[in-house]
Each structure stands twice: as structure tokens, then as C-alpha cells.
PDB file of N, CA and C in Angstrom:
ATOM      1  N   MET A   1      27.765 102.378 249.818  1.00  0.00           N
ATOM      2  CA  MET A   1      27.405 103.547 250.606  1.00  0.00           C
ATOM      3  C   MET A   1      27.963 103.377 252.013  1.00  0.00           C
ATOM      4  N   ALA A   2      28.769 104.325 252.415  1.00  0.00           N
ATOM      5  CA  ALA A   2      29.388 104.266 253.730  1.00  0.00           C
ATOM      6  C   ALA A   2      28.460 104.877 254.779  1.00  0.00           C
ATOM      7  N   VAL A   3      28.431 104.246 255.916  1.00  0.00           N
ATOM      8  CA  VAL A   3      27.621 104.739 257.031  1.00  0.00           C
ATOM      9  C   VAL A   3      28.521 105.604 257.906  1.00  0.00           C
ATOM     10  N   SER A   4      28.026 106.760 258.315  1.00  0.00           N
ATOM     11  CA  SER A   4      28.839 107.660 259.122  1.00  0.00           C
ATOM     12  C   SER A   4      29.047 107.083 260.523  1.00  0.00           C
ATOM     13  N   PRO A   5      30.175 107.437 261.141  1.00  0.00           N
ATOM     14  CA  PRO A   5      30.436 106.941 262.496  1.00  0.00           C
ATOM     15  C   PRO A   5      29.358 107.360 263.497  1.00  0.00           C
ATOM     16  N   ARG A   6      28.835 108.550 263.333  1.00  0.00           N
ATOM     17  CA  ARG A   6      27.785 109.017 264.246  1.00  0.00           C
ATOM     18  C   ARG A   6      26.522 108.161 264.125  1.00  0.00           C
ATOM     19  N   ARG A   7      26.195 107.773 262.890  1.00  0.00           N
ATOM     20  CA  ARG A   7      25.022 106.933 262.674  1.00  0.00           C
ATOM     21  C   ARG A   7      25.239 105.536 263.261  1.00  0.00           C
ATOM     22  N   LEU A   8      26.475 105.017 263.165  1.00  0.00           N
ATOM     23  CA  LEU A   8      26.794 103.734 263.778  1.00  0.00           C
ATOM     24  C   LEU A   8      26.658 103.805 265.297  1.00  0.00           C
ATOM     25  N   LEU A   9      27.133 104.892 265.889  1.00  0.00           N
ATOM     26  CA  LEU A   9      27.011 105.056 267.341  1.00  0.00           C
ATOM     27  C   LEU A   9      25.550 105.125 267.766  1.00  0.00           C
ATOM     28  N   LEU A  10      24.755 105.862 267.013  1.00  0.00           N
ATOM     29  CA  LEU A  10      23.338 105.979 267.326  1.00  0.00           C
ATOM     30  C   LEU A  10      22.625 104.636 267.193  1.00  0.00           C
ATOM     31  N   SER A  11      22.878 103.936 266.099  1.00  0.00           N
ATOM     32  CA  SER A  11      22.215 102.644 265.910  1.00  0.00           C
ATOM     33  C   SER A  11      22.688 101.624 266.938  1.00  0.00           C
ATOM     34  N   GLY A  12      23.954 101.664 267.317  1.00  0.00           N
ATOM     35  CA  GLY A  12      24.449 100.762 268.352  1.00  0.00           C
ATOM     36  C   GLY A  12      23.787 101.010 269.691  1.00  0.00           C
ATOM     37  N   ALA A  13      23.610 102.276 270.035  1.00  0.00           N
ATOM     38  CA  ALA A  13      22.954 102.609 271.297  1.00  0.00           C
ATOM     39  C   ALA A  13      21.487 102.184 271.287  1.00  0.00           C
ATOM     40  N   VAL A  14      20.814 102.414 270.170  1.00  0.00           N
ATOM     41  CA  VAL A  14      19.401 102.036 270.064  1.00  0.00           C
ATOM     42  C   VAL A  14      19.242 100.525 270.119  1.00  0.00           C
ATOM     43  N   LEU A  15      20.086  99.785 269.392  1.00  0.00           N
ATOM     44  CA  LEU A  15      20.000  98.326 269.410  1.00  0.00           C
ATOM     45  C   LEU A  15      20.301  97.761 270.791  1.00  0.00           C
ATOM     46  N   THR A  16      21.279  98.335 271.478  1.00  0.00           N
ATOM     47  CA  THR A  16      21.594  97.875 272.830  1.00  0.00           C
ATOM     48  C   THR A  16      20.410  98.093 273.764  1.00  0.00           C
ATOM     49  N   ALA A  17      19.809  99.265 273.719  1.00  0.00           N
ATOM     50  CA  ALA A  17      18.647  99.543 274.569  1.00  0.00           C
ATOM     51  C   ALA A  17      17.470  98.639 274.211  1.00  0.00           C
ATOM     52  N   LEU A  18      17.253  98.408 272.927  1.00  0.00           N
ATOM     53  CA  LEU A  18      16.168  97.533 272.489  1.00  0.00           C
ATOM     54  C   LEU A  18      16.393  96.096 272.971  1.00  0.00           C
ATOM     55  N   GLY A  19      17.600  95.595 272.823  1.00  0.00           N
ATOM     56  CA  GLY A  19      17.910  94.245 273.272  1.00  0.00           C
ATOM     57  C   GLY A  19      17.741  94.081 274.771  1.00  0.00           C
ATOM     58  N   LEU A  20      18.165  95.076 275.527  1.00  0.00           N
ATOM     59  CA  LEU A  20      17.978  95.022 276.984  1.00  0.00           C
ATOM     60  C   LEU A  20      16.502  95.045 277.346  1.00  0.00           C
ATOM     61  N   ALA A  21      15.721  95.851 276.641  1.00  0.00           N
ATOM     62  CA  ALA A  21      14.281  95.914 276.914  1.00  0.00           C
ATOM     63  C   ALA A  21      13.607  94.581 276.608  1.00  0.00           C
ATOM     64  N   ILE A  22      14.003  93.946 275.524  1.00  0.00           N
ATOM     65  CA  ILE A  22      13.416  92.648 275.167  1.00  0.00           C
ATOM     66  C   ILE A  22      13.784  91.597 276.207  1.00  0.00           C
ATOM     67  N   ALA A  23      15.053  91.556 276.584  1.00  0.00           N
ATOM     68  CA  ALA A  23      15.506  90.522 277.522  1.00  0.00           C
ATOM     69  C   ALA A  23      14.929  90.714 278.924  1.00  0.00           C
ATOM     70  N   THR A  24      14.804  91.953 279.367  1.00  0.00           N
ATOM     71  CA  THR A  24      14.340  92.179 280.741  1.00  0.00           C
ATOM     72  C   THR A  24      12.835  92.042 280.900  1.00  0.00           C
ATOM     73  N   THR A  25      12.089  92.075 279.815  1.00  0.00           N
ATOM     74  CA  THR A  25      10.637  91.919 279.931  1.00  0.00           C
ATOM     75  C   THR A  25      10.197  90.467 279.767  1.00  0.00           C
ATOM     76  N   ALA A  26      11.138  89.545 279.704  1.00  0.00           N
ATOM     77  CA  ALA A  26      10.797  88.125 279.608  1.00  0.00           C
ATOM     78  C   ALA A  26      10.164  87.668 280.922  1.00  0.00           C
ATOM     79  N   PRO A  27       9.181  86.783 280.845  1.00  0.00           N
ATOM     80  CA  PRO A  27       8.556  86.284 282.075  1.00  0.00           C
ATOM     81  C   PRO A  27       9.554  85.479 282.919  1.00  0.00           C
ATOM     82  N   VAL A  28       9.338  85.473 284.213  1.00  0.00           N
ATOM     83  CA  VAL A  28      10.189  84.721 285.132  1.00  0.00           C
ATOM     84  C   VAL A  28       9.908  83.235 284.959  1.00  0.00           C
ATOM     85  N   LEU A  29      10.975  82.434 284.959  1.00  0.00           N
ATOM     86  CA  LEU A  29      10.794  80.991 284.836  1.00  0.00           C
ATOM     87  C   LEU A  29       9.902  80.473 285.960  1.00  0.00           C
ATOM     88  N   GLY A  30       8.998  79.580 285.635  1.00  0.00           N
ATOM     89  CA  GLY A  30       8.086  79.003 286.614  1.00  0.00           C
ATOM     90  C   GLY A  30       6.774  79.738 286.745  1.00  0.00           C
ATOM     91  N   THR A  31       6.602  80.820 286.002  1.00  0.00           N
ATOM     92  CA  THR A  31       5.341  81.560 286.031  1.00  0.00           C
ATOM     93  C   THR A  31       4.584  81.306 284.732  1.00  0.00           C
ATOM     94  N   PRO A  32       3.291  81.628 284.696  1.00  0.00           N
ATOM     95  CA  PRO A  32       2.534  81.433 283.456  1.00  0.00           C
ATOM     96  C   PRO A  32       3.141  82.242 282.302  1.00  0.00           C
ATOM     97  N   GLY A  33       3.232  81.621 281.158  1.00  0.00           N
ATOM     98  CA  GLY A  33       3.805  82.273 279.987  1.00  0.00           C
ATOM     99  C   GLY A  33       5.309  82.161 279.897  1.00  0.00           C
ATOM    100  N   ALA A  34       5.897  81.370 280.784  1.00  0.00           N
ATOM    101  CA  ALA A  34       7.350  81.278 280.839  1.00  0.00           C
ATOM    102  C   ALA A  34       7.928  80.299 279.826  1.00  0.00           C
ATOM    103  N   ASP A  35       7.092  79.742 278.964  1.00  0.00           N
ATOM    104  CA  ASP A  35       7.608  78.787 277.988  1.00  0.00           C
ATOM    105  C   ASP A  35       8.470  79.463 276.921  1.00  0.00           C
ATOM    106  N   HIS A  36       8.383  80.780 276.779  1.00  0.00           N
ATOM    107  CA  HIS A  36       9.184  81.505 275.797  1.00  0.00           C
ATOM    108  C   HIS A  36      10.278  82.347 276.453  1.00  0.00           C
ATOM    109  N   THR A  37      10.537  82.138 277.737  1.00  0.00           N
ATOM    110  CA  THR A  37      11.501  82.971 278.451  1.00  0.00           C
ATOM    111  C   THR A  37      12.889  82.867 277.848  1.00  0.00           C
ATOM    112  N   ARG A  38      13.372  81.650 277.676  1.00  0.00           N
ATOM    113  CA  ARG A  38      14.739  81.470 277.152  1.00  0.00           C
ATOM    114  C   ARG A  38      14.884  82.025 275.739  1.00  0.00           C
ATOM    115  N   THR A  39      13.862  81.849 274.914  1.00  0.00           N
ATOM    116  CA  THR A  39      13.906  82.373 273.554  1.00  0.00           C
ATOM    117  C   THR A  39      13.952  83.896 273.566  1.00  0.00           C
ATOM    118  N   GLN A  40      13.118  84.509 274.398  1.00  0.00           N
ATOM    119  CA  GLN A  40      13.067  85.966 274.465  1.00  0.00           C
ATOM    120  C   GLN A  40      14.374  86.524 275.014  1.00  0.00           C
ATOM    121  N   GLN A  41      14.912  85.899 276.046  1.00  0.00           N
ATOM    122  CA  GLN A  41      16.172  86.375 276.597  1.00  0.00           C
ATOM    123  C   GLN A  41      17.322  86.175 275.611  1.00  0.00           C
ATOM    124  N   GLY A  42      17.296  85.063 274.893  1.00  0.00           N
ATOM    125  CA  GLY A  42      18.329  84.820 273.883  1.00  0.00           C
ATOM    126  C   GLY A  42      18.281  85.831 272.756  1.00  0.00           C
ATOM    127  N   LEU A  43      17.076  86.117 272.273  1.00  0.00           N
ATOM    128  CA  LEU A  43      16.916  87.118 271.218  1.00  0.00           C
ATOM    129  C   LEU A  43      17.399  88.488 271.694  1.00  0.00           C
ATOM    130  N   GLY A  44      17.013  88.854 272.901  1.00  0.00           N
ATOM    131  CA  GLY A  44      17.467  90.134 273.456  1.00  0.00           C
ATOM    132  C   GLY A  44      18.978  90.184 273.580  1.00  0.00           C
ATOM    133  N   GLY A  45      19.583  89.078 273.987  1.00  0.00           N
ATOM    134  CA  GLY A  45      21.033  89.022 274.121  1.00  0.00           C
ATOM    135  C   GLY A  45      21.744  89.163 272.784  1.00  0.00           C
ATOM    136  N   VAL A  46      21.204  88.539 271.757  1.00  0.00           N
ATOM    137  CA  VAL A  46      21.801  88.649 270.421  1.00  0.00           C
ATOM    138  C   VAL A  46      21.706  90.087 269.917  1.00  0.00           C
ATOM    139  N   ILE A  47      20.570  90.733 270.158  1.00  0.00           N
ATOM    140  CA  ILE A  47      20.407  92.128 269.731  1.00  0.00           C
ATOM    141  C   ILE A  47      21.378  93.034 270.489  1.00  0.00           C
ATOM    142  N   VAL A  48      21.591  92.769 271.780  1.00  0.00           N
ATOM    143  CA  VAL A  48      22.556  93.545 272.557  1.00  0.00           C
ATOM    144  C   VAL A  48      23.956  93.379 271.974  1.00  0.00           C
ATOM    145  N   LEU A  49      24.325  92.164 271.635  1.00  0.00           N
ATOM    146  CA  LEU A  49      25.657  91.934 271.056  1.00  0.00           C
ATOM    147  C   LEU A  49      25.829  92.639 269.716  1.00  0.00           C
ATOM    148  N   ILE A  50      24.783  92.642 268.902  1.00  0.00           N
ATOM    149  CA  ILE A  50      24.845  93.376 267.632  1.00  0.00           C
ATOM    150  C   ILE A  50      24.996  94.875 267.903  1.00  0.00           C
ATOM    151  N   GLY A  51      24.286  95.373 268.909  1.00  0.00           N
ATOM    152  CA  GLY A  51      24.415  96.779 269.288  1.00  0.00           C
ATOM    153  C   GLY A  51      25.816  97.112 269.765  1.00  0.00           C
ATOM    154  N   TRP A  52      26.410  96.230 270.553  1.00  0.00           N
ATOM    155  CA  TRP A  52      27.787  96.452 271.020  1.00  0.00           C
ATOM    156  C   TRP A  52      28.767  96.451 269.856  1.00  0.00           C
ATOM    157  N   ALA A  53      28.552  95.563 268.894  1.00  0.00           N
ATOM    158  CA  ALA A  53      29.428  95.524 267.719  1.00  0.00           C
ATOM    159  C   ALA A  53      29.316  96.829 266.933  1.00  0.00           C
ATOM    160  N   ALA A  54      28.098  97.328 266.771  1.00  0.00           N
ATOM    161  CA  ALA A  54      27.909  98.600 266.067  1.00  0.00           C
ATOM    162  C   ALA A  54      28.552  99.751 266.841  1.00  0.00           C
ATOM    163  N   LEU A  55      28.431  99.739 268.165  1.00  0.00           N
ATOM    164  CA  LEU A  55      29.084 100.768 268.976  1.00  0.00           C
ATOM    165  C   LEU A  55      30.600 100.706 268.834  1.00  0.00           C
ATOM    166  N   ALA A  56      31.165  99.507 268.904  1.00  0.00           N
ATOM    167  CA  ALA A  56      32.614  99.355 268.785  1.00  0.00           C
ATOM    168  C   ALA A  56      33.106  99.821 267.418  1.00  0.00           C
ATOM    169  N   TRP A  57      32.393  99.437 266.356  1.00  0.00           N
ATOM    170  CA  TRP A  57      32.786  99.847 265.016  1.00  0.00           C
ATOM    171  C   TRP A  57      32.626 101.360 264.844  1.00  0.00           C
ATOM    172  N   GLY A  58      31.572 101.918 265.408  1.00  0.00           N
ATOM    173  CA  GLY A  58      31.374 103.363 265.336  1.00  0.00           C
ATOM    174  C   GLY A  58      32.448 104.126 266.094  1.00  0.00           C
ATOM    175  N   ILE A  59      32.845 103.643 267.258  1.00  0.00           N
ATOM    176  CA  ILE A  59      33.913 104.287 268.029  1.00  0.00           C
ATOM    177  C   ILE A  59      35.225 104.212 267.258  1.00  0.00           C
ATOM    178  N   HIS A  60      35.487 103.064 266.671  1.00  0.00           N
ATOM    179  CA  HIS A  60      36.707 102.891 265.884  1.00  0.00           C
ATOM    180  C   HIS A  60      36.730 103.863 264.703  1.00  0.00           C
ATOM    181  N   ARG A  61      35.633 103.933 263.979  1.00  0.00           N
ATOM    182  CA  ARG A  61      35.571 104.815 262.812  1.00  0.00           C
ATOM    183  C   ARG A  61      35.545 106.290 263.209  1.00  0.00           C
ATOM    184  N   PHE A  62      34.908 106.599 264.349  1.00  0.00           N
ATOM    185  CA  PHE A  62      34.836 107.996 264.804  1.00  0.00           C
ATOM    186  C   PHE A  62      36.226 108.519 265.141  1.00  0.00           C
ATOM    187  N   GLY A  63      37.047 107.675 265.745  1.00  0.00           N
ATOM    188  CA  GLY A  63      38.413 108.079 266.096  1.00  0.00           C
ATOM    189  C   GLY A  63      39.306 108.271 264.890  1.00  0.00           C
ATOM    190  N   ARG A  64      38.965 107.629 263.772  1.00  0.00           N
ATOM    191  CA  ARG A  64      39.783 107.738 262.564  1.00  0.00           C
ATOM    192  C   ARG A  64      39.243 108.742 261.565  1.00  0.00           C
ATOM    193  N   SER A  65      38.048 109.261 261.788  1.00  0.00           N
ATOM    194  CA  SER A  65      37.468 110.185 260.805  1.00  0.00           C
ATOM    195  C   SER A  65      38.076 111.575 260.951  1.00  0.00           C
ATOM    196  N   ALA A  66      38.207 112.249 259.829  1.00  0.00           N
ATOM    197  CA  ALA A  66      38.791 113.597 259.823  1.00  0.00           C
ATOM    198  C   ALA A  66      37.783 114.637 260.309  1.00  0.00           C
ATOM    199  N   ASP A  67      36.505 114.400 260.005  1.00  0.00           N
ATOM    200  CA  ASP A  67      35.484 115.393 260.387  1.00  0.00           C
ATOM    201  C   ASP A  67      34.895 115.136 261.760  1.00  0.00           C
ATOM    202  N   GLY A  68      35.159 113.933 262.366  1.00  0.00           N
ATOM    203  CA  GLY A  68      34.758 113.497 263.687  1.00  0.00           C
ATOM    204  C   GLY A  68      33.685 114.253 264.277  1.00  0.00           C
TER     205      GLY A  68
END
């Protein structure tokens, strides 16, 4: 089942926003609860990269689609 370019663009944008939200809400190092800061920021960063990959693939496919 092929995913439409528009759906890839939408999912890439949502994943990027979600990853940024996860990474930016991590506690500041040196404050209470900061023992999970690096893990939370790393997870958010990985989600952002997956979102960027989906955006890039969606842009590539959107430019090649006939119905665009």
C-alpha cells in the first residue's frame, strides 16, 4: 500500500512538531527531575529526524506525482 505524498508531508510535520515539543519540555540540567533530561532530549531529537525524513520523502514524491 503506497502512502500519498500529502500524507507523508502531514505526518512529517506532525512528527517534527511532536519531537520538538518532547525535547523542549525536558527539565534543565541541575534541577530536580533532571535525571531524564538527556534521554528525553535524545528521544525528541530522534523523532524530529524521523519527521524530517518523512518531509523529505514526501517533498520528493510530491514533485514526481502526476496528481500533485
